Structures are given as C-alpha cells and as structure tokens.
C-alpha cells in the first residue's frame, strides 16, 4: 500500500555545503547523475548523530547542529558504498576504489561518532579489490564484510565488533560476490552482484546451512528490512548473461517465499555516463512497517523517492 504524500511531513534535518561547482551540477538531474552528486550513504546513531558519505568526504552532523561538517577526506575512490553503525555508536566503512593493482584495502572505524577515523583492519595487497559493504548483525553481535570482485576476492566475512577476530565464511565464486546482506533472527540473506552469472538471493541460516532461494533478473546491490519483511533490489547492468532492462524490487515476508513486486524500465540515457537504472534502499535496522526506495535512471521515476506501508500475510 502506498503512503499518500499528504500523510508524509518532510523536515530539513541538515545541510551540506559542497564545493561551489557541485552547486551547479546538482541543480539538474542529469548533471547530478553525471557527477554522482549528493549523499550516498547515511548512518543514524543512537545518540542522534548522523554520519554520511558524499563524494570524496565523510560528514558528521551532531544533534542540534544544522550543517554537516567534513570529518574525513576520502583519498582513494569517490566514497564508500555503505556505512555501518553498532549499538555503542562505533561506525565503520570500507574502501571502495578501482584498485586495478590490487593494493591493500582498509576498513575505517570511528569511536567518537564520526569525528575521527582510524584504520581498524587492512586486507593485504593482492587479497581483494575493494569492500562492497559492512553490515552490523544484532542477532550475531558481529559485523559482516562483503568484498569483491574476482575469484577468491569475492568473500563474505564475519568480524567481531573490535575486529580482533575476522573469519571468511563464504568465498571463491561469483555467487559470493555480494553488496547487500540482511540479518534476521534465523538467518542472514544476501543477494549476488555479478554480471557474469545469473544472480540469486541466498539464505545462510544460523547453523551455517546455505540455500539458494530465488533467481534475480540482474545484479543486486541494495537490500533492507521493513519490520520482518525483507527486500532486495536489482539494477540494469546488462551483460551476456544478465540481459534485463528493468530495475526491480523483490520482497519476502518470511525469507523463504519471494516475489518480484515492482519494476522500472531503464531510461534512454547512457549507463556509463548517467548511471545504471537502480533502486536504492536504506541501510540500518528498520523496525517500522514503512519501506522507502529511491529510483534512478528509470523512465518516469528518475531520482524519485517512494514510500510504502508494508502489509504481510503469513500462512
């Protein structure tokens, strides 16, 4: 069920003053897509602090403040794809950059709500290309780390919150090349993100049993919870295997039975310049019955955020 716009009251939480030229590029949708403007990740801490990723910077916004401030300059790559937070307000992100030479890759952590950042873990040179995501699992009280892109670089790792213990759980195949993972009490669910094989949703239960749950139409880089319901989205990233020209939203009330709920046709603009068609879903643990999704580079819904009320029916 869609939530009517009249039922939503939007409030300005904070502003960020980017370099002057981004004020120009962000004034139109196409140039904003071309230059990858805007906020790309956001973590809301229990203290009320906000920690965000924008091109080439990590920002913070303390409670009561009105303007985000730069806390850290991102020097390799444009920005991390996601930011993770634990209940004690420690914050984490992993480096995401081209890394053709397979240099070492860092995981950064902040113990003061994003004000200062230190390297907490390093993948040695030649081990991975980059970090796709870090996800906090409250049921396992651990962090899941997703890396890529080729062969043994495709890993799903589990780490203690202090990173003293880091173990590889799954690795070595394009089906363990993932950017989205959703913990639930019974299992973790993840989607594959590969242009070389058919993509799937997988379920890894708390006993370590892995099941392939559903085929996906294309690569998947976003997932989220809304109450107990689980959602993954797919993007338009055509390849010889994935020929899908529609971005999709898939959902499940129980993690076992999955349905393709919605789809959007890719628009006519170049994917290499103006981005793949995609459906962006928010990070973090959502206990409400609302799901928000932002579509980009699709016909009739470019750069549009939609909110739905989730109603699940179980047998």
Protein backbone atom coordinates (compact mmCIF):
# COMPACT_ATOMS: atom_id res chain seq x y z
CA UNK A 1 0.00 0.00 0.00
CA UNK A 2 1.41 3.38 -0.98
CA UNK A 3 1.58 6.10 1.62
CA UNK A 4 -0.12 9.27 0.41
CA UNK A 5 2.14 12.36 0.10
CA UNK A 6 -0.26 14.26 2.35
CA UNK A 7 0.49 11.77 5.13
CA UNK A 8 4.23 12.49 4.99
CA UNK A 9 5.71 15.60 6.57
CA UNK A 10 9.26 16.29 5.39
CA UNK A 11 11.62 18.22 7.65
CA UNK A 12 15.04 19.64 6.89
CA UNK A 13 17.50 17.81 9.16
CA UNK A 14 20.75 19.34 7.96
CA UNK A 15 22.58 20.89 5.04
CA UNK A 16 25.97 20.31 3.47
CA UNK A 17 27.90 22.96 1.59
CA UNK A 18 29.78 21.17 -1.22
CA UNK A 19 32.43 22.74 -3.47
CA UNK A 20 30.91 25.59 -5.47
CA UNK A 21 30.83 23.70 -8.75
CA UNK A 22 28.66 20.94 -7.27
CA UNK A 23 26.00 23.55 -6.56
CA UNK A 24 25.87 23.96 -10.33
CA UNK A 25 25.94 20.28 -11.28
CA UNK A 26 23.40 19.28 -8.62
CA UNK A 27 20.88 21.83 -9.90
CA UNK A 28 19.76 19.46 -12.69
CA UNK A 29 19.04 15.74 -12.52
CA UNK A 30 21.19 14.70 -15.49
CA UNK A 31 24.30 16.61 -14.41
CA UNK A 32 23.78 15.40 -10.85
CA UNK A 33 23.76 11.83 -12.16
CA UNK A 34 26.81 12.51 -14.33
CA UNK A 35 28.90 13.84 -11.43
CA UNK A 36 27.46 11.45 -8.81
CA UNK A 37 26.36 14.33 -6.59
CA UNK A 38 24.56 14.06 -3.29
CA UNK A 39 24.53 11.81 -0.24
CA UNK A 40 25.42 8.18 -0.97
CA UNK A 41 25.29 6.61 2.50
CA UNK A 42 23.94 7.61 5.89
CA UNK A 43 24.07 6.11 9.38
CA UNK A 44 21.84 7.31 12.22
CA UNK A 45 23.41 6.74 15.63
CA UNK A 46 21.58 6.14 18.91
CA UNK A 47 22.99 9.47 20.16
CA UNK A 48 21.24 11.30 17.32
CA UNK A 49 24.46 11.94 15.40
CA UNK A 50 24.35 11.45 11.64
CA UNK A 51 27.34 10.13 9.68
CA UNK A 52 27.19 10.38 5.90
CA UNK A 53 29.22 9.76 2.75
CA UNK A 54 29.35 12.28 -0.10
CA UNK A 55 31.83 12.39 -2.99
CA UNK A 56 35.35 12.40 -1.51
CA UNK A 57 34.30 13.02 2.12
CA UNK A 58 32.77 11.54 5.27
CA UNK A 59 30.49 14.02 7.05
CA UNK A 60 29.08 14.31 10.56
CA UNK A 61 26.10 16.17 11.98
CA UNK A 62 25.79 16.29 15.81
CA UNK A 63 22.34 16.70 17.40
CA UNK A 64 21.22 20.31 17.40
CA UNK A 65 23.52 21.30 14.54
CA UNK A 66 22.18 22.37 11.15
CA UNK A 67 25.14 21.86 8.81
CA UNK A 68 27.14 18.71 8.09
CA UNK A 69 30.89 19.12 8.54
CA UNK A 70 33.69 17.22 6.81
CA UNK A 71 35.31 14.80 9.28
CA UNK A 72 37.45 12.79 6.85
CA UNK A 73 38.64 13.18 3.26
CA UNK A 74 38.31 10.07 1.10
CA UNK A 75 41.53 9.86 -0.91
CA UNK A 76 41.06 6.55 -2.75
CA UNK A 77 37.88 6.26 -4.77
CA UNK A 78 34.89 8.56 -4.64
CA UNK A 79 33.25 7.30 -1.43
CA UNK A 80 32.33 4.10 0.41
CA UNK A 81 29.16 2.41 -0.76
CA UNK A 82 27.74 1.96 2.77
CA UNK A 83 28.32 2.98 6.39
CA UNK A 84 27.62 0.64 9.33
CA UNK A 85 26.95 1.50 12.98
CA UNK A 86 26.87 -0.68 16.11
CA UNK A 87 24.70 -0.12 19.21
CA UNK A 88 27.60 1.55 21.06
CA UNK A 89 27.81 4.11 18.21
CA UNK A 90 31.02 2.83 16.67
CA UNK A 91 30.91 3.48 12.94
CA UNK A 92 32.60 1.58 10.10
CA UNK A 93 33.18 1.79 6.36
CA UNK A 94 35.41 0.01 3.89
CA UNK A 95 37.38 1.45 1.00
CA UNK A 96 35.79 1.21 -2.43
CA UNK A 97 38.04 2.25 -5.30
CA UNK A 98 39.04 0.84 -8.68
CA UNK A 99 42.21 -0.80 -7.35
CA UNK A 100 43.37 -2.40 -10.59
CA UNK A 101 46.76 -3.10 -8.97
CA UNK A 102 45.12 -4.86 -6.00
CA UNK A 103 46.80 -2.70 -3.37
CA UNK A 104 45.94 -3.20 0.30
CA UNK A 105 42.41 -2.14 1.29
CA UNK A 106 41.47 -0.53 4.61
CA UNK A 107 38.44 -0.67 6.87
CA UNK A 108 37.99 2.55 8.83
CA UNK A 109 36.33 2.93 12.24
CA UNK A 110 35.31 5.82 14.45
CA UNK A 111 34.84 5.55 18.21
CA UNK A 112 33.67 9.15 18.63
CA UNK A 113 30.54 9.20 16.44
CA UNK A 114 32.33 10.01 13.22
CA UNK A 115 34.51 12.88 14.36
CA UNK A 116 37.80 10.99 13.88
CA UNK A 117 38.69 7.93 11.83
CA UNK A 118 41.37 5.26 12.14
CA UNK A 119 42.21 2.14 10.15
CA UNK A 120 40.89 -0.81 12.17
CA UNK A 121 41.64 -3.58 9.68
CA UNK A 122 43.63 -3.98 6.46
CA UNK A 123 43.25 -6.55 3.70
CA UNK A 124 46.79 -7.26 2.46
CA UNK A 125 47.89 -6.43 -1.06
CA UNK A 126 46.52 -8.89 -3.60
CA UNK A 127 43.76 -10.25 -1.34
CA UNK A 128 40.69 -8.28 -2.51
CA UNK A 129 39.82 -5.49 -4.92
CA UNK A 130 37.60 -3.42 -2.59
CA UNK A 131 34.93 -3.55 0.11
CA UNK A 132 31.31 -3.54 -1.04
CA UNK A 133 29.57 -3.34 2.31
CA UNK A 134 29.82 -3.75 6.08
CA UNK A 135 26.63 -4.75 7.93
CA UNK A 136 26.01 -4.97 11.67
CA UNK A 137 24.16 -8.11 12.79
CA UNK A 138 22.48 -7.54 16.14
CA UNK A 139 21.48 -11.21 16.50
CA UNK A 140 25.03 -12.44 15.97
CA UNK A 141 26.55 -9.32 17.56
CA UNK A 142 29.05 -9.19 14.72
CA UNK A 143 29.89 -7.38 11.51
CA UNK A 144 29.53 -8.92 8.06
CA UNK A 145 32.01 -7.72 5.42
CA UNK A 146 31.33 -8.15 1.71
CA UNK A 147 34.22 -7.89 -0.77
CA UNK A 148 34.93 -8.40 -4.48
CA UNK A 149 35.38 -8.72 -7.38
CA UNK A 150 37.10 -11.78 -8.92
CA UNK A 151 37.76 -15.37 -7.83
CA UNK A 152 38.91 -15.62 -4.23
CA UNK A 153 38.42 -11.86 -3.83
CA UNK A 154 34.66 -12.49 -3.60
CA UNK A 155 34.24 -13.00 0.12
CA UNK A 156 31.64 -12.86 2.85
CA UNK A 157 33.46 -12.46 6.17
CA UNK A 158 32.31 -12.26 9.78
CA UNK A 159 34.17 -10.00 12.22
CA UNK A 160 33.88 -9.25 15.91
CA UNK A 161 32.98 -5.65 16.69
CA UNK A 162 36.59 -4.92 17.69
CA UNK A 163 37.94 -6.69 14.58
CA UNK A 164 40.17 -8.93 16.68
CA UNK A 165 38.53 -11.93 15.05
CA UNK A 166 37.85 -11.93 11.31
CA UNK A 167 36.87 -15.15 9.54
CA UNK A 168 35.94 -15.99 5.97
CA UNK A 169 32.50 -17.62 5.88
CA UNK A 170 31.96 -17.92 2.12
CA UNK A 171 34.39 -17.19 -0.72
CA UNK A 172 35.77 -18.03 -4.12
CA UNK A 173 32.85 -17.69 -6.53
CA UNK A 174 30.84 -15.03 -8.31
CA UNK A 175 27.83 -16.08 -6.23
CA UNK A 176 29.71 -14.88 -3.13
CA UNK A 177 30.27 -11.52 -4.83
CA UNK A 178 27.70 -9.57 -2.86
CA UNK A 179 26.96 -5.99 -1.88
CA UNK A 180 23.73 -6.49 0.11
CA UNK A 181 23.19 -8.66 3.19
CA UNK A 182 20.25 -8.59 5.60
CA UNK A 183 20.43 -10.28 9.04
CA UNK A 184 17.31 -11.72 10.67
CA UNK A 185 16.94 -13.78 13.86
CA UNK A 186 17.02 -17.08 11.97
CA UNK A 187 19.48 -16.35 9.16
CA UNK A 188 21.28 -13.83 7.03
CA UNK A 189 20.06 -13.26 3.49
CA UNK A 190 22.26 -11.90 0.74
CA UNK A 191 21.99 -11.20 -2.97
CA UNK A 192 24.70 -11.73 -5.57
CA UNK A 193 26.12 -8.89 -7.63
CA UNK A 194 27.75 -10.33 -10.73
CA UNK A 195 27.50 -9.56 -14.47
CA UNK A 196 28.98 -12.97 -15.33
CA UNK A 197 26.34 -15.34 -13.96
CA UNK A 198 22.64 -15.42 -13.14
CA UNK A 199 22.12 -13.66 -9.81
CA UNK A 200 20.29 -15.10 -6.82
CA UNK A 201 19.06 -14.47 -3.29
CA UNK A 202 20.66 -16.80 -0.72
CA UNK A 203 19.79 -17.76 2.83
CA UNK A 204 22.55 -18.68 5.29
CA UNK A 205 20.94 -19.95 8.47
CA UNK A 206 22.47 -19.63 11.93
CA UNK A 207 23.69 -23.23 11.70
CA UNK A 208 25.76 -22.45 8.61
CA UNK A 209 23.45 -24.07 6.05
CA UNK A 210 23.35 -22.22 2.71
CA UNK A 211 20.29 -22.28 0.43
CA UNK A 212 19.66 -20.69 -2.95
CA UNK A 213 16.24 -19.07 -2.59
CA UNK A 214 15.39 -17.15 -5.76
CA UNK A 215 16.70 -16.11 -9.18
CA UNK A 216 17.14 -12.40 -9.78
CA UNK A 217 16.87 -10.60 -13.10
CA UNK A 218 20.19 -8.81 -12.72
CA UNK A 219 22.86 -7.68 -10.27
CA UNK A 220 21.70 -6.63 -6.82
CA UNK A 221 23.44 -4.03 -4.65
CA UNK A 222 20.78 -2.94 -2.15
CA UNK A 223 18.66 -4.66 0.48
CA UNK A 224 16.68 -3.65 3.54
CA UNK A 225 14.22 -4.72 6.24
CA UNK A 226 10.80 -3.29 7.00
CA UNK A 227 9.70 -4.93 10.22
CA UNK A 228 10.16 -8.65 9.47
CA UNK A 229 9.79 -8.29 5.68
CA UNK A 230 12.98 -8.47 3.59
CA UNK A 231 13.63 -6.64 0.33
CA UNK A 232 16.33 -6.67 -2.34
CA UNK A 233 16.52 -4.57 -5.47
CA UNK A 234 18.19 -5.17 -8.83
CA UNK A 235 19.81 -2.76 -11.25
CA UNK A 236 20.09 -2.59 -15.02
CA UNK A 237 23.66 -3.79 -15.68
CA UNK A 238 23.39 -5.63 -19.00
CA UNK A 239 25.87 -8.37 -19.83
CA UNK A 240 25.87 -11.51 -21.94
CA UNK A 241 24.19 -13.30 -19.03
CA UNK A 242 22.06 -10.54 -17.47
CA UNK A 243 20.02 -9.00 -20.28
CA UNK A 244 17.41 -7.42 -18.02
CA UNK A 245 16.47 -3.83 -18.96
CA UNK A 246 14.30 -3.22 -15.91
CA UNK A 247 15.29 -2.40 -12.34
CA UNK A 248 13.29 -4.45 -9.88
CA UNK A 249 12.17 -4.68 -6.26
CA UNK A 250 11.81 -8.14 -4.70
CA UNK A 251 10.28 -8.91 -1.30
CA UNK A 252 9.57 -11.69 1.17
CA UNK A 253 7.54 -11.86 4.37
CA UNK A 254 9.40 -14.90 5.70
CA UNK A 255 12.73 -15.05 3.85
CA UNK A 256 11.67 -18.24 2.05
CA UNK A 257 8.98 -17.25 -0.46
CA UNK A 258 9.96 -14.33 -2.68
CA UNK A 259 8.06 -12.18 -5.17
CA UNK A 260 9.09 -9.60 -7.71
CA UNK A 261 6.96 -6.70 -6.55
CA UNK A 262 7.78 -3.79 -8.86
CA UNK A 263 9.89 -2.98 -11.89
CA UNK A 264 11.00 0.12 -13.77
CA UNK A 265 12.27 0.41 -17.34
CA UNK A 266 15.77 1.86 -17.83
CA UNK A 267 15.66 5.35 -19.36
CA UNK A 268 17.33 6.31 -22.65
CA UNK A 269 20.43 7.94 -21.19
CA UNK A 270 23.90 6.36 -21.33
CA UNK A 271 24.62 3.95 -18.47
CA UNK A 272 28.36 4.62 -18.49
CA UNK A 273 27.80 8.36 -18.07
CA UNK A 274 24.45 8.73 -16.36
CA UNK A 275 24.38 5.60 -14.18
CA UNK A 276 22.68 2.23 -14.30
CA UNK A 277 18.98 2.06 -13.66
CA UNK A 278 18.69 1.16 -9.98
CA UNK A 279 16.50 1.07 -6.88
CA UNK A 280 18.29 2.40 -3.80
CA UNK A 281 17.21 1.04 -0.41
CA UNK A 282 18.20 2.45 3.02
CA UNK A 283 20.72 0.84 5.36
CA UNK A 284 20.15 0.14 9.05
CA UNK A 285 17.65 -1.83 11.11
CA UNK A 286 14.12 -0.64 10.39
CA UNK A 287 11.51 -1.75 12.93
CA UNK A 288 8.66 0.16 11.24
CA UNK A 289 6.33 -1.17 8.56
CA UNK A 290 7.46 1.51 6.08
CA UNK A 291 9.84 0.95 3.20
CA UNK A 292 11.41 3.82 1.25
CA UNK A 293 13.02 3.34 -2.15
CA UNK A 294 14.72 5.80 -4.46
CA UNK A 295 14.76 5.03 -8.17
CA UNK A 296 17.39 6.42 -10.51
CA UNK A 297 17.90 6.36 -14.29
CA UNK A 298 14.48 4.80 -14.97
CA UNK A 299 11.60 6.01 -17.08
CA UNK A 300 9.02 8.15 -15.29
CA UNK A 301 10.68 7.89 -11.88
CA UNK A 302 14.20 9.27 -12.16
CA UNK A 303 15.57 10.45 -8.80
CA UNK A 304 12.23 9.81 -7.11
CA UNK A 305 11.74 8.53 -3.54
CA UNK A 306 8.67 6.43 -2.85
CA UNK A 307 7.34 5.19 0.49
CA UNK A 308 5.07 2.20 1.03
CA UNK A 309 3.28 0.71 4.02
CA UNK A 310 4.20 -2.97 4.16
CA UNK A 311 1.39 -5.40 4.87
CA UNK A 312 2.43 -9.05 5.14
CA UNK A 313 0.14 -12.06 5.19
CA UNK A 314 1.57 -15.34 6.53
CA UNK A 315 0.05 -18.79 6.31
